[in-house]
Every structure is written in C-alpha cells, then in structure tokens.
C-alpha cells in the first residue's frame, strides 16, 4: 500500500490566502526521505502556494474537489530561470527571469495525479486588457516546469489559467501524459498547453486542451542544448483548441525533432491546425499526421496564423535555418478560412511532403479580413502580406505529392479566393487525383 502524506498534517491551511508552500514542500520532502509515497492535496479547499519542487519517487495527488493554486505574488515564486520563452528564441543572461510554480530537477519516477485543479492564477499577472490580447509582464510563472526528469506521469488533473506555458517538460524521458484537461484564458499570450522541449519517448493521450497559444508544441530550445533532440513522440485521441497552432513542430528548435506521430485527434476553432514551422538551424524529420478532423478560423493579428488547417514553412527567425524532410498528412478532414500552405524562403529547405486523402473546405465566417499570408516569425520581409488564398499553396519545396485530395469552396464566396492549387518553384511535384468542388 502506498504511504500517504496529507499536506494538512504538515501545516497546510487551505484558506486560499495563506502561502502553504512550506507545508506542501515539507510533505514532499518527507515522502522523498521515506523512499517514496503519495502527497495528498485533500478535497474541499483551495491551497495557495509559491514554488514547489517535486522529488524522486513522489506522487503529488490532487483530490477531486481540491485546488492547488499558484500565488499571485511574484515574491512567492522562488524558482526562477533565464529561458527563451519570451525572448524570441535567443538566450539573454540579463533578461528578466521567468518563474515556476511546480518544478522538478533531475528527478525519477514522479507523478502528478488526481481529478482536482491546478490553478496557475494567470489573472493575477495581467497588466492590461488590450481587447484581442492581454499585455503581460515578463515576471510570471510556468504552471509546471520539469527539467531532466525520467519516468514522469501526469494524469487526470485540470490545469487551469496558466500565466505562461502550462506544462513544460525539458530534457525529460519516458513520459506519460494521459487524460488531463488544460483550460487557459483565451486572451493570455504565451499560455501554451503542453510544451515538449528536448524530450524523448513521450506519449500524450486522451487530453482536452483549450489554450490561447499553441495547444501542443514540440521544441528544442537553445538554452538547453545539452539535452539533445526531441524524438519518439506520440499524440493520440485528443481534442485541441488554440488561437495559435493546435499542434506545432517548432519554432524554438536548434536541435533535431524527429519521429513524431499525431493520430486520431479533433482540432476545433483554431488559428492554425497542424503546423511544422522551421525557423532555426534544426532538422525536422519523420513526422506523421493522420486521421484528424481540423477546423480553423481567423483571429486578430496579435496571434500568429491565418486560418491554415495545414501549414509547413521554413523561414529564418534569426540567421541560420535547417531543413524539413519526410512529413506526411494522411486522412485529414479540414474546414477553415484558409487553405493548406507549404512554403520556404528558398529551395532545399523543405523536402518530401505527402498529402493523401486530405479534404479542405474553405469558407468565411469570422469578421477578420482574409486574403493574407503569415510567415511569422520571419527575420526577413514581408512577414504578413496580401495574397490570394489557394486550396493548396506550395512554394519553394521539393518532392511534394498531393494524392486523392479535394478542395471545396464554401457558400460565402470571397474575392481573394484563388485556385485549387497554386505552385511556384516546386521540384518533383506530383498531383494525383486532385478534385475541386
């Protein structure tokens, strides 16, 4: 039987006002010293806390009806690090630090479980409501940030209102994320859902994620180069919504991202659906998207994207750029306010893209003007410019196959709608059975 450590036994008050971090940390330390155990956050109360550090062989269990809430006082967020999350992918040692609510470092066999709520308290960090987006301070915490951990399990819990990326795993291996829910404030920038940074052997399944920024993002951030590639990732049976990309490979990537499968998911009401976005000196390869329903729409230009259900791009964010190879989109049913977009700054950056049995229905229903291509983040110009919207747009790529695909134009005809297929400087383009209706 698992040994349990109730945080109330260590002095946690649970009044939603008192900083219970010391009591919760005391319970975690006791469980760790015991050789392992379950730290219980009991039902019926809100436990406010500053930074908490999970340790090896400890499971933090938030019971149904319990809330573990990040402090809105920056002084209570004692775990802080210089990262590139808010500095355009470049490390700046003098840049203001980001904080962490739930942290772990080089731990093994750790878990967060239970059907309770983990509240990132993003509302406490808002500077100003600008209408389509909030203005936020640099000093705000990740809800969860684990570094260099092995055998990690995140199950059941609701992660609510993060002030920065919600679940960030960097350099972690053997990870299971199953059945969690993530609900973000849809005006809060940089509040991603799940970010896998330099991680290996990760399974994400049966999750429900609604976040303003990317719902699921794969990265290899510059400041953690020692952890190597991000690889062997599966995402299955998830429902995703984002004002940025529902699933994105990149952009923060200076080491390879490879061997990725996204299958049997539903994407709703998102700015971009499935995105492979190369902006730095990296290699993306062996990426498969299959059996997915995608719905995309236009949002304000504060958010990257222009309603593309499928987006593959290679434009430098800083100076150097790598390449993308072997990407597959199979059995995709899409409806959006834009079409499939594949483009690169020059030939040789994107190679080996297959679109098979992809149906794209293009219509117009939002009040945001269309007919614009978005290449952000792009160090060159233009990054936003007017252009006709094609069903399939392919530019400066090679070895691209469009097989048994379909473009359907909606009833709200727009003057900026273009052709079913628009292609420029594509070496080895194969079109087999493209239908238009």
Protein backbone atom coordinates (compact mmCIF):
# COMPACT_ATOMS: atom_id res chain seq x y z
CA UNK A 1 0.00 0.00 0.00
CA UNK A 2 1.32 3.44 -0.92
CA UNK A 3 2.34 5.57 2.04
CA UNK A 4 0.35 8.80 2.08
CA UNK A 5 1.38 12.22 3.35
CA UNK A 6 -1.55 14.62 3.78
CA UNK A 7 -0.40 18.21 3.44
CA UNK A 8 -2.71 19.29 6.30
CA UNK A 9 -0.62 17.13 8.64
CA UNK A 10 2.33 19.35 7.70
CA UNK A 11 0.53 22.60 8.46
CA UNK A 12 -1.27 23.47 5.21
CA UNK A 13 -4.16 25.83 5.95
CA UNK A 14 -6.15 25.71 2.72
CA UNK A 15 -7.89 29.07 3.08
CA UNK A 16 -6.86 30.29 -0.39
CA UNK A 17 -4.93 33.18 1.16
CA UNK A 18 -2.10 31.70 3.24
CA UNK A 19 1.04 30.63 1.36
CA UNK A 20 1.06 26.88 2.02
CA UNK A 21 4.27 26.23 0.03
CA UNK A 22 6.36 25.37 3.12
CA UNK A 23 3.82 22.83 4.33
CA UNK A 24 3.45 21.20 0.91
CA UNK A 25 7.21 21.12 0.42
CA UNK A 26 7.56 19.56 3.87
CA UNK A 27 5.22 16.74 2.86
CA UNK A 28 7.11 16.19 -0.41
CA UNK A 29 10.46 16.13 1.40
CA UNK A 30 9.10 13.63 3.95
CA UNK A 31 7.79 11.34 1.21
CA UNK A 32 11.12 11.54 -0.63
CA UNK A 33 13.04 10.74 2.57
CA UNK A 34 10.72 7.78 3.12
CA UNK A 35 11.81 6.35 -0.23
CA UNK A 36 8.63 7.46 -1.92
CA UNK A 37 4.94 7.99 -1.35
CA UNK A 38 1.83 9.94 -2.24
CA UNK A 39 1.48 13.56 -1.15
CA UNK A 40 -2.25 14.25 -0.87
CA UNK A 41 -3.86 17.63 -1.51
CA UNK A 42 -7.25 16.96 0.16
CA UNK A 43 -10.66 17.85 -1.23
CA UNK A 44 -12.80 20.76 -0.14
CA UNK A 45 -10.23 23.56 -0.05
CA UNK A 46 -8.00 25.85 -2.12
CA UNK A 47 -4.33 25.66 -1.18
CA UNK A 48 -2.44 28.76 -2.33
CA UNK A 49 1.31 28.30 -2.67
CA UNK A 50 4.50 29.72 -4.06
CA UNK A 51 7.05 27.49 -5.80
CA UNK A 52 7.01 23.77 -5.01
CA UNK A 53 9.72 21.26 -6.04
CA UNK A 54 8.71 17.64 -6.67
CA UNK A 55 11.33 14.97 -5.87
CA UNK A 56 12.09 11.39 -6.91
CA UNK A 57 9.56 8.64 -6.17
CA UNK A 58 6.89 11.12 -5.10
CA UNK A 59 3.35 11.37 -6.46
CA UNK A 60 1.51 14.63 -5.89
CA UNK A 61 -2.18 13.69 -5.75
CA UNK A 62 -4.74 16.50 -6.01
CA UNK A 63 -8.07 15.05 -4.96
CA UNK A 64 -11.30 15.77 -6.82
CA UNK A 65 -12.67 18.94 -5.25
CA UNK A 66 -9.23 20.26 -4.25
CA UNK A 67 -7.44 23.21 -5.84
CA UNK A 68 -3.69 23.83 -5.75
CA UNK A 69 -3.26 27.47 -6.77
CA UNK A 70 -0.15 29.44 -7.70
CA UNK A 71 0.49 32.55 -5.66
CA UNK A 72 -0.18 35.85 -7.39
CA UNK A 73 2.74 37.42 -5.54
CA UNK A 74 5.96 37.28 -7.55
CA UNK A 75 7.97 37.20 -4.30
CA UNK A 76 6.46 33.76 -3.53
CA UNK A 77 7.64 32.34 -6.89
CA UNK A 78 11.14 31.44 -5.69
CA UNK A 79 12.05 29.01 -8.51
CA UNK A 80 13.26 31.22 -11.38
CA UNK A 81 15.25 30.68 -14.57
CA UNK A 82 16.52 32.55 -17.61
CA UNK A 83 14.75 30.98 -20.57
CA UNK A 84 13.90 31.95 -24.15
CA UNK A 85 10.14 31.60 -23.83
CA UNK A 86 9.65 35.38 -24.02
CA UNK A 87 12.86 36.49 -25.76
CA UNK A 88 12.34 35.37 -29.39
CA UNK A 89 14.26 32.12 -29.01
CA UNK A 90 17.56 33.76 -28.01
CA UNK A 91 19.24 33.47 -24.61
CA UNK A 92 19.79 36.80 -22.84
CA UNK A 93 21.53 36.47 -19.46
CA UNK A 94 20.38 39.93 -18.44
CA UNK A 95 16.76 39.20 -19.41
CA UNK A 96 14.17 39.16 -16.63
CA UNK A 97 13.62 35.67 -15.27
CA UNK A 98 10.52 33.54 -15.67
CA UNK A 99 9.25 31.66 -12.63
CA UNK A 100 7.95 28.15 -11.92
CA UNK A 101 5.01 27.10 -9.77
CA UNK A 102 5.52 23.29 -9.86
CA UNK A 103 9.16 22.38 -10.52
CA UNK A 104 11.31 19.23 -10.66
CA UNK A 105 15.00 18.81 -11.42
CA UNK A 106 16.71 15.52 -12.42
CA UNK A 107 14.04 13.54 -10.56
CA UNK A 108 12.94 9.99 -11.35
CA UNK A 109 9.62 8.21 -11.01
CA UNK A 110 7.47 11.26 -10.31
CA UNK A 111 3.79 11.88 -10.90
CA UNK A 112 1.00 14.39 -10.58
CA UNK A 113 -2.41 12.74 -10.41
CA UNK A 114 -5.96 13.20 -9.21
CA UNK A 115 -9.02 14.89 -10.68
CA UNK A 116 -8.53 18.13 -8.77
CA UNK A 117 -7.47 21.51 -10.16
CA UNK A 118 -4.01 23.02 -10.58
CA UNK A 119 -4.64 26.76 -10.96
CA UNK A 120 -1.82 28.82 -12.48
CA UNK A 121 -3.51 32.06 -11.36
CA UNK A 122 -2.79 33.84 -14.63
CA UNK A 123 -5.34 36.53 -13.76
CA UNK A 124 -3.01 37.85 -11.06
CA UNK A 125 -0.32 38.66 -13.65
CA UNK A 126 -2.34 40.63 -16.23
CA UNK A 127 -1.13 44.21 -16.77
CA UNK A 128 -3.78 45.37 -19.24
CA UNK A 129 -6.61 44.06 -21.40
CA UNK A 130 -5.91 45.33 -24.95
CA UNK A 131 -9.05 43.77 -26.41
CA UNK A 132 -7.85 40.86 -28.57
CA UNK A 133 -4.96 40.07 -26.17
CA UNK A 134 -3.61 40.91 -22.71
CA UNK A 135 -0.41 42.81 -22.05
CA UNK A 136 1.61 40.70 -19.61
CA UNK A 137 4.76 41.23 -17.55
CA UNK A 138 7.96 39.25 -18.11
CA UNK A 139 7.88 38.12 -14.49
CA UNK A 140 5.26 35.39 -14.47
CA UNK A 141 5.40 31.65 -13.74
CA UNK A 142 5.10 28.48 -15.77
CA UNK A 143 2.42 26.35 -14.13
CA UNK A 144 4.65 23.25 -14.36
CA UNK A 145 8.27 23.04 -15.49
CA UNK A 146 10.24 19.79 -15.09
CA UNK A 147 13.88 19.57 -16.24
CA UNK A 148 15.99 16.47 -16.84
CA UNK A 149 13.48 14.04 -15.30
CA UNK A 150 12.82 10.38 -16.08
CA UNK A 151 9.66 8.31 -15.73
CA UNK A 152 7.16 11.15 -15.46
CA UNK A 153 3.40 10.66 -15.25
CA UNK A 154 0.77 13.40 -15.47
CA UNK A 155 -2.80 12.08 -15.30
CA UNK A 156 -6.39 13.22 -14.73
CA UNK A 157 -5.91 16.73 -13.37
CA UNK A 158 -7.36 20.00 -14.65
CA UNK A 159 -4.65 22.61 -15.33
CA UNK A 160 -6.36 25.99 -15.27
CA UNK A 161 -5.39 29.57 -16.22
CA UNK A 162 -1.61 29.38 -16.50
CA UNK A 163 0.29 32.68 -16.61
CA UNK A 164 2.86 31.20 -19.04
CA UNK A 165 3.31 27.80 -20.70
CA UNK A 166 1.13 25.38 -18.74
CA UNK A 167 3.02 22.07 -18.86
CA UNK A 168 6.67 22.43 -19.87
CA UNK A 169 8.95 19.40 -19.90
CA UNK A 170 12.59 19.96 -20.84
CA UNK A 171 15.08 17.13 -21.28
CA UNK A 172 12.63 14.58 -19.89
CA UNK A 173 12.42 10.93 -20.91
CA UNK A 174 9.79 8.20 -20.56
CA UNK A 175 6.79 10.48 -20.12
CA UNK A 176 3.09 9.63 -19.94
CA UNK A 177 0.53 12.45 -20.16
CA UNK A 178 -2.95 10.92 -20.06
CA UNK A 179 -6.44 12.24 -19.53
CA UNK A 180 -5.51 15.72 -18.37
CA UNK A 181 -7.51 18.85 -19.18
CA UNK A 182 -5.97 22.25 -19.82
CA UNK A 183 -8.12 25.39 -19.86
CA UNK A 184 -6.43 28.73 -20.47
CA UNK A 185 -7.73 32.27 -20.62
CA UNK A 186 -8.05 32.75 -24.39
CA UNK A 187 -6.64 36.30 -24.27
CA UNK A 188 -3.46 35.45 -22.38
CA UNK A 189 -0.34 35.34 -24.63
CA UNK A 190 2.28 32.58 -24.32
CA UNK A 191 -0.06 30.39 -22.28
CA UNK A 192 0.67 27.20 -24.25
CA UNK A 193 -0.84 23.87 -23.30
CA UNK A 194 1.91 21.21 -23.41
CA UNK A 195 5.48 22.04 -24.48
CA UNK A 196 7.91 19.16 -25.02
CA UNK A 197 11.44 20.56 -25.18
CA UNK A 198 14.34 18.16 -25.92
CA UNK A 199 12.15 15.25 -24.68
CA UNK A 200 12.28 11.57 -25.65
CA UNK A 201 9.78 8.73 -25.59
CA UNK A 202 6.63 10.68 -24.75
CA UNK A 203 3.01 9.55 -25.01
CA UNK A 204 0.20 12.12 -24.88
CA UNK A 205 -3.28 10.61 -24.99
CA UNK A 206 -6.94 11.36 -24.29
CA UNK A 207 -6.36 15.00 -23.34
CA UNK A 208 -8.68 18.00 -23.75
CA UNK A 209 -6.70 21.23 -24.29
CA UNK A 210 -8.08 24.74 -24.87
CA UNK A 211 -5.32 27.36 -24.79
CA UNK A 212 -4.71 30.77 -26.37
CA UNK A 213 -1.23 29.91 -27.57
CA UNK A 214 -0.08 26.55 -29.01
CA UNK A 215 -2.02 23.61 -27.56
CA UNK A 216 0.81 21.09 -28.09
CA UNK A 217 4.27 22.27 -29.12
CA UNK A 218 7.47 20.33 -29.76
CA UNK A 219 10.70 22.27 -29.24
CA UNK A 220 14.46 22.07 -28.76
CA UNK A 221 15.19 25.40 -27.10
CA UNK A 222 18.63 26.95 -27.36
CA UNK A 223 19.27 27.29 -23.61
CA UNK A 224 19.01 23.51 -23.01
CA UNK A 225 21.18 22.23 -25.87
CA UNK A 226 22.78 19.61 -23.59
CA UNK A 227 19.60 17.51 -23.72
CA UNK A 228 19.81 16.80 -27.47
CA UNK A 229 16.91 16.11 -29.84
CA UNK A 230 13.19 15.84 -29.24
CA UNK A 231 12.14 12.44 -30.55
CA UNK A 232 9.79 9.49 -30.37
CA UNK A 233 6.61 11.40 -29.57
CA UNK A 234 3.01 10.19 -29.97
CA UNK A 235 -0.17 12.24 -29.59
CA UNK A 236 -3.49 10.35 -29.79
CA UNK A 237 -7.18 10.79 -29.03
CA UNK A 238 -7.02 14.48 -28.08
CA UNK A 239 -9.37 17.44 -28.55
CA UNK A 240 -7.45 20.69 -29.12
CA UNK A 241 -8.24 24.38 -29.49
CA UNK A 242 -5.81 27.30 -29.89
CA UNK A 243 -5.63 30.89 -31.12
CA UNK A 244 -2.19 29.90 -32.45
CA UNK A 245 -1.39 26.32 -33.58
CA UNK A 246 -3.23 23.31 -32.23
CA UNK A 247 -0.16 21.13 -32.86
CA UNK A 248 3.16 22.68 -33.85
CA UNK A 249 6.59 21.24 -34.51
CA UNK A 250 8.88 24.22 -33.79
CA UNK A 251 9.54 27.15 -33.86
CA UNK A 252 12.02 27.19 -30.95
CA UNK A 253 14.33 24.46 -32.21
CA UNK A 254 18.11 24.32 -32.52
CA UNK A 255 18.41 20.51 -32.29
CA UNK A 256 16.54 17.86 -34.31
CA UNK A 257 12.88 16.97 -33.85
CA UNK A 258 12.11 13.54 -35.26
CA UNK A 259 9.84 10.51 -35.14
CA UNK A 260 6.53 12.19 -34.32
CA UNK A 261 3.04 10.69 -34.76
CA UNK A 262 -0.19 12.65 -34.24
CA UNK A 263 -3.26 10.47 -34.79
CA UNK A 264 -6.99 10.31 -34.15
CA UNK A 265 -7.45 13.88 -32.88
CA UNK A 266 -10.04 16.63 -33.28
CA UNK A 267 -8.99 20.28 -33.67
CA UNK A 268 -11.61 22.99 -33.25
CA UNK A 269 -11.79 26.77 -33.58
CA UNK A 270 -8.02 27.20 -34.02
CA UNK A 271 -5.91 29.76 -35.89
CA UNK A 272 -3.69 27.03 -37.31
CA UNK A 273 -4.30 23.32 -37.20
CA UNK A 274 -1.28 21.14 -37.92
CA UNK A 275 1.92 23.17 -38.18
CA UNK A 276 5.51 22.28 -38.99
CA UNK A 277 7.26 25.61 -38.53
CA UNK A 278 11.04 25.72 -39.04
CA UNK A 279 12.76 28.96 -38.03
CA UNK A 280 16.19 28.00 -36.68
CA UNK A 281 19.13 25.72 -37.51
CA UNK A 282 17.49 22.36 -36.91
CA UNK A 283 16.33 19.21 -38.68
CA UNK A 284 12.70 18.10 -38.57
CA UNK A 285 12.11 14.62 -39.98
CA UNK A 286 9.76 11.65 -39.95
CA UNK A 287 6.55 13.40 -38.90
CA UNK A 288 3.13 11.80 -39.46
CA UNK A 289 -0.30 13.38 -39.00
CA UNK A 290 -3.22 11.00 -39.64
CA UNK A 291 -6.94 10.56 -39.10
CA UNK A 292 -7.60 14.10 -37.89
CA UNK A 293 -10.56 16.47 -38.13
CA UNK A 294 -9.43 20.12 -38.30
CA UNK A 295 -11.43 23.36 -38.04
CA UNK A 296 -9.56 26.66 -38.35
CA UNK A 297 -10.59 30.30 -38.46
CA UNK A 298 -9.10 33.79 -38.46
CA UNK A 299 -8.21 35.69 -35.31
CA UNK A 300 -6.63 39.09 -34.69
CA UNK A 301 -3.05 39.57 -35.97
CA UNK A 302 -1.86 39.56 -32.34
CA UNK A 303 -1.83 35.77 -32.79
CA UNK A 304 0.36 34.02 -35.38
CA UNK A 305 -1.53 32.21 -38.14
CA UNK A 306 -4.08 32.88 -40.87
CA UNK A 307 -6.59 30.06 -40.57
CA UNK A 308 -4.47 27.35 -42.25
CA UNK A 309 -5.56 23.78 -41.43
CA UNK A 310 -2.12 22.52 -42.55
CA UNK A 311 0.99 24.69 -42.50
CA UNK A 312 4.59 23.73 -43.35
CA UNK A 313 7.14 26.55 -43.50
CA UNK A 314 10.88 27.25 -43.42
CA UNK A 315 11.78 30.92 -42.91
CA UNK A 316 14.70 32.04 -40.69
CA UNK A 317 13.76 33.55 -37.34
CA UNK A 318 17.32 34.75 -36.68
CA UNK A 319 20.15 33.98 -39.11
CA UNK A 320 20.62 30.24 -39.67
CA UNK A 321 17.99 27.73 -40.76
CA UNK A 322 17.98 23.96 -41.16
CA UNK A 323 15.59 21.78 -43.15
CA UNK A 324 12.39 19.74 -43.05
CA UNK A 325 12.10 16.27 -44.56
CA UNK A 326 9.64 13.37 -44.64
CA UNK A 327 6.34 14.86 -43.45
CA UNK A 328 3.03 13.05 -44.06
CA UNK A 329 -0.59 14.23 -43.80
CA UNK A 330 -2.98 11.31 -44.32
CA UNK A 331 -6.76 11.14 -43.91
CA UNK A 332 -7.34 14.75 -42.88
CA UNK A 333 -10.83 16.28 -42.97
CA UNK A 334 -10.47 20.07 -42.74
CA UNK A 335 -12.68 23.13 -42.80
CA UNK A 336 -11.15 26.58 -42.46
CA UNK A 337 -10.93 30.20 -43.55
CA UNK A 338 -7.72 29.46 -45.44
CA UNK A 339 -6.11 26.56 -47.26
CA UNK A 340 -3.11 24.25 -46.98
CA UNK A 341 0.12 26.27 -47.04
CA UNK A 342 3.62 24.89 -47.74
CA UNK A 343 6.42 27.39 -48.36
CA UNK A 344 10.10 28.09 -47.77
CA UNK A 345 12.46 31.02 -48.19
CA UNK A 346 14.45 29.12 -50.80
CA UNK A 347 14.69 25.64 -52.37
CA UNK A 348 16.27 22.80 -50.38
CA UNK A 349 14.67 23.64 -47.02
CA UNK A 350 11.51 21.51 -47.37
CA UNK A 351 11.68 18.05 -48.94
CA UNK A 352 9.41 15.03 -49.02
CA UNK A 353 5.87 16.16 -48.13
CA UNK A 354 2.90 13.88 -48.80
CA UNK A 355 -0.74 14.94 -48.58
CA UNK A 356 -3.03 11.97 -49.12
CA UNK A 357 -6.81 11.86 -48.78
CA UNK A 358 -6.92 15.44 -47.49
CA UNK A 359 -10.23 17.27 -47.93
CA UNK A 360 -10.13 21.04 -47.45
CA UNK A 361 -13.33 23.07 -47.33
CA UNK A 362 -12.69 26.82 -47.43
CA UNK A 363 -15.34 29.27 -46.27
CA UNK A 364 -15.65 32.57 -44.42
CA UNK A 365 -17.47 33.20 -41.14
CA UNK A 366 -15.34 35.38 -38.85
CA UNK A 367 -15.22 39.19 -39.08
CA UNK A 368 -11.40 39.22 -39.51
CA UNK A 369 -10.27 40.21 -43.06
CA UNK A 370 -8.79 37.36 -45.09
CA UNK A 371 -6.50 37.11 -48.08
CA UNK A 372 -3.28 37.41 -46.08
CA UNK A 373 -0.27 35.10 -45.75
CA UNK A 374 1.51 34.97 -42.38
CA UNK A 375 5.19 33.91 -42.31
CA UNK A 376 5.88 34.88 -38.70
CA UNK A 377 8.32 34.51 -37.11
CA UNK A 378 10.48 35.64 -40.03
CA UNK A 379 13.55 37.87 -39.85
CA UNK A 380 13.03 38.96 -43.46
CA UNK A 381 10.18 40.87 -45.06
CA UNK A 382 7.36 40.72 -45.70
CA UNK A 383 6.13 38.51 -42.88
CA UNK A 384 2.47 39.47 -43.39
CA UNK A 385 1.25 40.27 -46.91
CA UNK A 386 -1.87 40.14 -49.05
CA UNK A 387 -2.19 37.19 -51.40
CA UNK A 388 -4.90 35.07 -52.99
CA UNK A 389 -5.85 32.03 -50.89
CA UNK A 390 -5.49 28.71 -52.71
CA UNK A 391 -6.81 25.34 -51.64
CA UNK A 392 -3.22 24.04 -51.73
CA UNK A 393 -0.37 26.57 -51.90
CA UNK A 394 3.15 25.18 -52.47
CA UNK A 395 6.21 27.41 -52.90
CA UNK A 396 9.98 26.64 -52.90
CA UNK A 397 9.61 22.99 -51.80
CA UNK A 398 10.69 19.72 -53.38
CA UNK A 399 9.30 16.18 -53.65
CA UNK A 400 5.71 17.16 -52.80
CA UNK A 401 2.89 14.70 -53.54
CA UNK A 402 -0.81 15.60 -53.49
CA UNK A 403 -2.77 12.38 -53.85
CA UNK A 404 -6.56 11.84 -53.79
CA UNK A 405 -7.17 15.27 -52.24
CA UNK A 406 -10.17 17.60 -52.54
CA UNK A 407 -10.84 21.35 -52.37
CA UNK A 408 -14.39 22.51 -51.67
CA UNK A 409 -15.30 26.22 -51.82
CA UNK A 410 -17.95 27.39 -49.35
CA UNK A 411 -21.06 29.45 -49.94
CA UNK A 412 -19.59 32.74 -48.65
CA UNK A 413 -17.53 33.45 -51.76
CA UNK A 414 -14.60 35.87 -51.23
CA UNK A 415 -12.82 37.97 -53.86
CA UNK A 416 -9.42 36.82 -52.60
CA UNK A 417 -10.09 33.13 -53.15
CA UNK A 418 -7.74 31.73 -55.76
CA UNK A 419 -7.10 28.38 -57.42
CA UNK A 420 -7.46 24.87 -56.05
CA UNK A 421 -3.68 24.51 -56.46
CA UNK A 422 -1.06 27.26 -56.71
CA UNK A 423 2.56 26.09 -57.04
CA UNK A 424 5.83 28.00 -57.53
CA UNK A 425 9.35 26.62 -57.98
CA UNK A 426 8.45 23.11 -56.81
CA UNK A 427 10.84 20.38 -57.92
CA UNK A 428 9.22 16.96 -58.11
CA UNK A 429 5.57 17.97 -57.64
CA UNK A 430 3.18 15.03 -58.15
CA UNK A 431 -0.58 15.68 -58.32
CA UNK A 432 -2.68 12.53 -58.48
CA UNK A 433 -6.45 12.93 -58.33
CA UNK A 434 -6.99 16.49 -57.01
CA UNK A 435 -10.72 17.29 -57.11
CA UNK A 436 -12.42 20.67 -56.84
CA UNK A 437 -15.99 21.40 -55.88
